[in-house]
């Protein structure tokens, strides 16, 4: 993650660097991304880049983290609006990711993010047990409708929902599949989870 030097930069300079990195990761996969193009676009010396970030992977993780944190913030708003209904809130966040990911400004970036994201990166969102946002999430969930016994089971349930949601984002944003058809399959999966599989 960025050094304290990066966080101490002016807001304008930080935005310029993040914009340059976002542009680079929109046009190239992580494997093909170039620090040279980022520093040229951000108008900073190469030495300065290494004062802010260790390497290309470090700035990539930061840019992805900013994106994931935005999704987490929106998800908490949905959870509040839906009175703690996890199922409805995950459907809402799925629609939000697709809608924002399909815009011209975000499409290439989101596509590359979901190409590069590993399951371990995705699950970080469900493993932030000490994160204040996760504590807020726990407090907002209406557990009265869930067949879970404790916080650990809730964490695992959220991890499953994140994996499932991501599984259905990829066909639309990466593979250009029909979004209505893909959404139907997502809804079916959530209905099956609601009902359970045992009689």
C-alpha atoms as a PDB file:
ATOM      1  CA  UNK A   1       0.000   0.000   0.000  1.00  0.00           C
ATOM      2  CA  UNK A   2       1.126   3.629  -0.416  1.00  0.00           C
ATOM      3  CA  UNK A   3       3.732   5.145   1.887  1.00  0.00           C
ATOM      4  CA  UNK A   4       2.956   7.977   4.287  1.00  0.00           C
ATOM      5  CA  UNK A   5       4.720  10.250   1.767  1.00  0.00           C
ATOM      6  CA  UNK A   6       1.931   9.563  -0.742  1.00  0.00           C
ATOM      7  CA  UNK A   7      -0.786  10.314   1.814  1.00  0.00           C
ATOM      8  CA  UNK A   8       0.927  13.617   2.637  1.00  0.00           C
ATOM      9  CA  UNK A   9       0.764  14.826  -0.976  1.00  0.00           C
ATOM     10  CA  UNK A  10      -1.722  17.499  -1.980  1.00  0.00           C
ATOM     11  CA  UNK A  11      -5.163  16.215  -2.898  1.00  0.00           C
ATOM     12  CA  UNK A  12      -4.683  17.347  -6.507  1.00  0.00           C
ATOM     13  CA  UNK A  13      -1.412  15.431  -6.909  1.00  0.00           C
ATOM     14  CA  UNK A  14      -2.868  12.257  -5.377  1.00  0.00           C
ATOM     15  CA  UNK A  15      -5.851  12.475  -7.736  1.00  0.00           C
ATOM     16  CA  UNK A  16      -3.510  12.968 -10.707  1.00  0.00           C
ATOM     17  CA  UNK A  17      -1.469   9.874  -9.802  1.00  0.00           C
ATOM     18  CA  UNK A  18      -4.553   7.721  -9.172  1.00  0.00           C
ATOM     19  CA  UNK A  19      -6.109   8.900 -12.460  1.00  0.00           C
ATOM     20  CA  UNK A  20      -2.932   8.004 -14.351  1.00  0.00           C
ATOM     21  CA  UNK A  21      -2.816   4.574 -12.698  1.00  0.00           C
ATOM     22  CA  UNK A  22      -6.527   3.973 -13.340  1.00  0.00           C
ATOM     23  CA  UNK A  23      -6.022   4.865 -17.005  1.00  0.00           C
ATOM     24  CA  UNK A  24      -3.073   2.459 -17.230  1.00  0.00           C
ATOM     25  CA  UNK A  25      -5.024  -0.387 -15.621  1.00  0.00           C
ATOM     26  CA  UNK A  26      -7.993   0.371 -17.884  1.00  0.00           C
ATOM     27  CA  UNK A  27      -5.863  -0.075 -20.993  1.00  0.00           C
ATOM     28  CA  UNK A  28      -3.595  -2.893 -19.837  1.00  0.00           C
ATOM     29  CA  UNK A  29      -3.740  -5.982 -17.651  1.00  0.00           C
ATOM     30  CA  UNK A  30      -1.551  -5.928 -14.563  1.00  0.00           C
ATOM     31  CA  UNK A  31       1.029  -8.081 -16.352  1.00  0.00           C
ATOM     32  CA  UNK A  32       1.337  -5.549 -19.206  1.00  0.00           C
ATOM     33  CA  UNK A  33       1.031  -2.353 -17.149  1.00  0.00           C
ATOM     34  CA  UNK A  34       3.942   0.097 -17.194  1.00  0.00           C
ATOM     35  CA  UNK A  35       5.280   2.396 -14.485  1.00  0.00           C
ATOM     36  CA  UNK A  36       6.791   4.553 -17.252  1.00  0.00           C
ATOM     37  CA  UNK A  37       3.367   5.317 -18.717  1.00  0.00           C
ATOM     38  CA  UNK A  38       1.939   6.067 -15.253  1.00  0.00           C
ATOM     39  CA  UNK A  39       4.692   8.529 -14.298  1.00  0.00           C
ATOM     40  CA  UNK A  40       4.549  10.200 -17.712  1.00  0.00           C
ATOM     41  CA  UNK A  41       0.786  10.651 -17.486  1.00  0.00           C
ATOM     42  CA  UNK A  42       0.939  11.754 -13.822  1.00  0.00           C
ATOM     43  CA  UNK A  43       3.863  14.085 -14.594  1.00  0.00           C
ATOM     44  CA  UNK A  44       6.034  12.866 -11.718  1.00  0.00           C
ATOM     45  CA  UNK A  45       9.689  11.730 -11.667  1.00  0.00           C
ATOM     46  CA  UNK A  46      10.410   8.002 -11.527  1.00  0.00           C
ATOM     47  CA  UNK A  47      12.165   8.442  -8.177  1.00  0.00           C
ATOM     48  CA  UNK A  48       9.027  10.032  -6.720  1.00  0.00           C
ATOM     49  CA  UNK A  49       6.940   7.056  -7.778  1.00  0.00           C
ATOM     50  CA  UNK A  50       9.156   4.760  -5.694  1.00  0.00           C
ATOM     51  CA  UNK A  51       8.801   7.107  -2.726  1.00  0.00           C
ATOM     52  CA  UNK A  52       5.031   6.528  -2.907  1.00  0.00           C
ATOM     53  CA  UNK A  53       4.748   2.883  -4.010  1.00  0.00           C
ATOM     54  CA  UNK A  54       7.022  -0.177  -3.912  1.00  0.00           C
ATOM     55  CA  UNK A  55       6.231  -1.323  -7.451  1.00  0.00           C
ATOM     56  CA  UNK A  56       3.466  -1.708 -10.056  1.00  0.00           C
ATOM     57  CA  UNK A  57       1.696  -4.313  -7.907  1.00  0.00           C
ATOM     58  CA  UNK A  58       1.576  -1.903  -4.979  1.00  0.00           C
ATOM     59  CA  UNK A  59      -0.140   0.904  -6.896  1.00  0.00           C
ATOM     60  CA  UNK A  60      -2.459  -1.641  -8.526  1.00  0.00           C
ATOM     61  CA  UNK A  61      -3.532  -2.972  -5.107  1.00  0.00           C
ATOM     62  CA  UNK A  62      -4.173   0.595  -3.977  1.00  0.00           C
ATOM     63  CA  UNK A  63      -6.330   1.461  -7.003  1.00  0.00           C
ATOM     64  CA  UNK A  64      -8.316  -1.786  -6.603  1.00  0.00           C
ATOM     65  CA  UNK A  65      -8.715  -1.125  -2.885  1.00  0.00           C
ATOM     66  CA  UNK A  66     -10.169   2.324  -3.614  1.00  0.00           C
ATOM     67  CA  UNK A  67     -12.662   0.677  -6.013  1.00  0.00           C
ATOM     68  CA  UNK A  68     -13.620  -2.059  -3.505  1.00  0.00           C
ATOM     69  CA  UNK A  69     -14.051   0.446  -0.672  1.00  0.00           C
ATOM     70  CA  UNK A  70     -16.454   2.463  -2.827  1.00  0.00           C
ATOM     71  CA  UNK A  71     -18.494  -0.693  -3.463  1.00  0.00           C
ATOM     72  CA  UNK A  72     -18.492  -1.452   0.284  1.00  0.00           C
ATOM     73  CA  UNK A  73     -19.801   2.043   1.058  1.00  0.00           C
ATOM     74  CA  UNK A  74     -22.633   1.685  -1.463  1.00  0.00           C
ATOM     75  CA  UNK A  75     -23.417  -1.814  -0.152  1.00  0.00           C
ATOM     76  CA  UNK A  76     -23.860  -0.475   3.413  1.00  0.00           C
ATOM     77  CA  UNK A  77     -26.321   2.114   2.083  1.00  0.00           C
ATOM     78  CA  UNK A  78     -28.315  -0.649   0.374  1.00  0.00           C
ATOM     79  CA  UNK A  79     -28.268  -2.721   3.561  1.00  0.00           C
ATOM     80  CA  UNK A  80     -29.678   0.220   5.535  1.00  0.00           C
ATOM     81  CA  UNK A  81     -32.318   0.905   2.896  1.00  0.00           C
ATOM     82  CA  UNK A  82     -33.316  -2.784   2.780  1.00  0.00           C
ATOM     83  CA  UNK A  83     -33.627  -3.023   6.565  1.00  0.00           C
ATOM     84  CA  UNK A  84     -30.817  -5.545   6.880  1.00  0.00           C
ATOM     85  CA  UNK A  85     -31.886  -7.901   4.080  1.00  0.00           C
ATOM     86  CA  UNK A  86     -28.599  -9.437   2.858  1.00  0.00           C
ATOM     87  CA  UNK A  87     -30.134 -11.129  -0.183  1.00  0.00           C
ATOM     88  CA  UNK A  88     -31.781  -7.971  -1.506  1.00  0.00           C
ATOM     89  CA  UNK A  89     -28.681  -5.892  -0.784  1.00  0.00           C
ATOM     90  CA  UNK A  90     -26.388  -8.248  -2.722  1.00  0.00           C
ATOM     91  CA  UNK A  91     -28.757  -8.140  -5.688  1.00  0.00           C
ATOM     92  CA  UNK A  92     -28.692  -4.331  -5.481  1.00  0.00           C
ATOM     93  CA  UNK A  93     -24.880  -4.200  -5.328  1.00  0.00           C
ATOM     94  CA  UNK A  94     -24.670  -6.601  -8.271  1.00  0.00           C
ATOM     95  CA  UNK A  95     -26.890  -4.249 -10.305  1.00  0.00           C
ATOM     96  CA  UNK A  96     -24.764  -1.277  -9.178  1.00  0.00           C
ATOM     97  CA  UNK A  97     -21.487  -2.963 -10.240  1.00  0.00           C
ATOM     98  CA  UNK A  98     -22.949  -3.858 -13.641  1.00  0.00           C
ATOM     99  CA  UNK A  99     -24.511  -0.433 -14.185  1.00  0.00           C
ATOM    100  CA  UNK A 100     -21.393   1.539 -13.219  1.00  0.00           C
ATOM    101  CA  UNK A 101     -19.096  -0.965 -14.930  1.00  0.00           C
ATOM    102  CA  UNK A 102     -20.911  -0.614 -18.248  1.00  0.00           C
ATOM    103  CA  UNK A 103     -20.479   3.157 -18.479  1.00  0.00           C
ATOM    104  CA  UNK A 104     -17.974   4.312 -21.049  1.00  0.00           C
ATOM    105  CA  UNK A 105     -15.796   5.953 -18.392  1.00  0.00           C
ATOM    106  CA  UNK A 106     -15.543   2.803 -16.238  1.00  0.00           C
ATOM    107  CA  UNK A 107     -15.967  -0.157 -18.586  1.00  0.00           C
ATOM    108  CA  UNK A 108     -12.335  -0.854 -19.485  1.00  0.00           C
ATOM    109  CA  UNK A 109     -11.169  -0.332 -15.900  1.00  0.00           C
ATOM    110  CA  UNK A 110     -13.829  -2.616 -14.394  1.00  0.00           C
ATOM    111  CA  UNK A 111     -13.228  -5.249 -17.059  1.00  0.00           C
ATOM    112  CA  UNK A 112      -9.504  -5.337 -16.301  1.00  0.00           C
ATOM    113  CA  UNK A 113     -10.152  -5.335 -12.542  1.00  0.00           C
ATOM    114  CA  UNK A 114     -12.366  -8.408 -12.805  1.00  0.00           C
ATOM    115  CA  UNK A 115      -9.910 -10.127 -15.145  1.00  0.00           C
ATOM    116  CA  UNK A 116      -7.101  -9.568 -12.633  1.00  0.00           C
ATOM    117  CA  UNK A 117      -8.979 -10.066  -9.371  1.00  0.00           C
ATOM    118  CA  UNK A 118      -8.145 -13.344  -7.673  1.00  0.00           C
ATOM    119  CA  UNK A 119     -10.637 -14.973  -5.320  1.00  0.00           C
ATOM    120  CA  UNK A 120      -8.291 -14.184  -2.444  1.00  0.00           C
ATOM    121  CA  UNK A 121      -8.494 -10.472  -3.315  1.00  0.00           C
ATOM    122  CA  UNK A 122     -12.272 -10.648  -3.530  1.00  0.00           C
ATOM    123  CA  UNK A 123     -12.554 -12.378  -0.167  1.00  0.00           C
ATOM    124  CA  UNK A 124     -10.561  -9.634   1.555  1.00  0.00           C
ATOM    125  CA  UNK A 125     -13.818  -7.688   1.663  1.00  0.00           C
ATOM    126  CA  UNK A 126     -15.381 -10.397   3.859  1.00  0.00           C
ATOM    127  CA  UNK A 127     -12.299 -10.848   6.044  1.00  0.00           C
ATOM    128  CA  UNK A 128     -12.000  -7.293   7.365  1.00  0.00           C
ATOM    129  CA  UNK A 129     -13.350  -8.252  10.772  1.00  0.00           C
ATOM    130  CA  UNK A 130     -11.624  -5.354  12.528  1.00  0.00           C
ATOM    131  CA  UNK A 131     -12.645  -2.825   9.886  1.00  0.00           C
ATOM    132  CA  UNK A 132     -15.259  -0.359  11.226  1.00  0.00           C
ATOM    133  CA  UNK A 133     -17.255  -0.860   8.012  1.00  0.00           C
ATOM    134  CA  UNK A 134     -17.494  -4.593   8.692  1.00  0.00           C
ATOM    135  CA  UNK A 135     -18.639  -3.916  12.256  1.00  0.00           C
ATOM    136  CA  UNK A 136     -21.314  -1.613  10.810  1.00  0.00           C
ATOM    137  CA  UNK A 137     -22.313  -4.311   8.320  1.00  0.00           C
ATOM    138  CA  UNK A 138     -22.719  -6.841  11.155  1.00  0.00           C
ATOM    139  CA  UNK A 139     -24.901  -4.417  13.089  1.00  0.00           C
ATOM    140  CA  UNK A 140     -27.124  -3.703  10.061  1.00  0.00           C
ATOM    141  CA  UNK A 141     -27.821  -7.318   9.044  1.00  0.00           C
ATOM    142  CA  UNK A 142     -31.263  -8.562  10.049  1.00  0.00           C
ATOM    143  CA  UNK A 143     -30.283 -11.927  11.528  1.00  0.00           C
ATOM    144  CA  UNK A 144     -33.860 -12.822  12.476  1.00  0.00           C
ATOM    145  CA  UNK A 145     -34.422 -14.090   8.908  1.00  0.00           C
ATOM    146  CA  UNK A 146     -31.128 -15.996   8.679  1.00  0.00           C
ATOM    147  CA  UNK A 147     -30.406 -19.536   9.793  1.00  0.00           C
ATOM    148  CA  UNK A 148     -27.019 -18.686  11.322  1.00  0.00           C
ATOM    149  CA  UNK A 149     -25.722 -19.178  14.853  1.00  0.00           C
ATOM    150  CA  UNK A 150     -22.907 -16.660  15.291  1.00  0.00           C
ATOM    151  CA  UNK A 151     -20.613 -14.032  13.743  1.00  0.00           C
ATOM    152  CA  UNK A 152     -18.323 -16.648  12.208  1.00  0.00           C
ATOM    153  CA  UNK A 153     -21.205 -18.161  10.244  1.00  0.00           C
ATOM    154  CA  UNK A 154     -22.228 -14.653   9.134  1.00  0.00           C
ATOM    155  CA  UNK A 155     -18.665 -13.997   7.864  1.00  0.00           C
ATOM    156  CA  UNK A 156     -18.730 -17.241   5.877  1.00  0.00           C
ATOM    157  CA  UNK A 157     -22.165 -16.439   4.481  1.00  0.00           C
ATOM    158  CA  UNK A 158     -20.995 -13.009   3.323  1.00  0.00           C
ATOM    159  CA  UNK A 159     -17.908 -14.600   1.725  1.00  0.00           C
ATOM    160  CA  UNK A 160     -20.171 -17.001  -0.199  1.00  0.00           C
ATOM    161  CA  UNK A 161     -22.373 -14.117  -1.354  1.00  0.00           C
ATOM    162  CA  UNK A 162     -19.342 -12.116  -2.517  1.00  0.00           C
ATOM    163  CA  UNK A 163     -18.041 -15.110  -4.509  1.00  0.00           C
ATOM    164  CA  UNK A 164     -21.452 -15.730  -6.042  1.00  0.00           C
ATOM    165  CA  UNK A 165     -21.979 -12.086  -6.968  1.00  0.00           C
ATOM    166  CA  UNK A 166     -18.522 -11.853  -8.549  1.00  0.00           C
ATOM    167  CA  UNK A 167     -19.110 -15.075 -10.458  1.00  0.00           C
ATOM    168  CA  UNK A 168     -22.030 -13.388 -12.242  1.00  0.00           C
ATOM    169  CA  UNK A 169     -20.304 -10.014 -12.742  1.00  0.00           C
ATOM    170  CA  UNK A 170     -17.516 -11.576 -14.823  1.00  0.00           C
ATOM    171  CA  UNK A 171     -19.718 -12.913 -17.673  1.00  0.00           C
ATOM    172  CA  UNK A 172     -21.258  -9.453 -18.209  1.00  0.00           C
ATOM    173  CA  UNK A 173     -18.276  -7.107 -17.758  1.00  0.00           C
ATOM    174  CA  UNK A 174     -15.510  -9.396 -19.041  1.00  0.00           C
ATOM    175  CA  UNK A 175     -17.210 -11.781 -21.491  1.00  0.00           C
ATOM    176  CA  UNK A 176     -19.977  -9.429 -22.767  1.00  0.00           C
ATOM    177  CA  UNK A 177     -22.757 -11.958 -22.091  1.00  0.00           C
ATOM    178  CA  UNK A 178     -26.395 -10.846 -22.104  1.00  0.00           C
ATOM    179  CA  UNK A 179     -26.866  -9.077 -18.778  1.00  0.00           C
ATOM    180  CA  UNK A 180     -30.554  -9.916 -18.367  1.00  0.00           C
ATOM    181  CA  UNK A 181     -29.889 -13.617 -18.906  1.00  0.00           C
ATOM    182  CA  UNK A 182     -26.946 -13.597 -16.482  1.00  0.00           C
ATOM    183  CA  UNK A 183     -29.005 -11.722 -13.871  1.00  0.00           C
ATOM    184  CA  UNK A 184     -31.749 -14.370 -14.114  1.00  0.00           C
ATOM    185  CA  UNK A 185     -29.177 -17.036 -13.202  1.00  0.00           C
ATOM    186  CA  UNK A 186     -27.899 -14.940 -10.300  1.00  0.00           C
ATOM    187  CA  UNK A 187     -31.436 -14.570  -8.926  1.00  0.00           C
ATOM    188  CA  UNK A 188     -32.013 -18.321  -9.266  1.00  0.00           C
ATOM    189  CA  UNK A 189     -28.842 -19.005  -7.278  1.00  0.00           C
ATOM    190  CA  UNK A 190     -29.934 -16.641  -4.515  1.00  0.00           C
ATOM    191  CA  UNK A 191     -33.404 -18.256  -4.417  1.00  0.00           C
ATOM    192  CA  UNK A 192     -31.793 -21.694  -4.070  1.00  0.00           C
ATOM    193  CA  UNK A 193     -29.656 -20.411  -1.189  1.00  0.00           C
ATOM    194  CA  UNK A 194     -32.738 -18.930   0.489  1.00  0.00           C
ATOM    195  CA  UNK A 195     -34.610 -22.236   0.276  1.00  0.00           C
ATOM    196  CA  UNK A 196     -31.647 -24.467   1.070  1.00  0.00           C
ATOM    197  CA  UNK A 197     -31.062 -27.831  -0.563  1.00  0.00           C
ATOM    198  CA  UNK A 198     -32.167 -30.306   2.115  1.00  0.00           C
ATOM    199  CA  UNK A 199     -35.797 -31.317   2.546  1.00  0.00           C
END
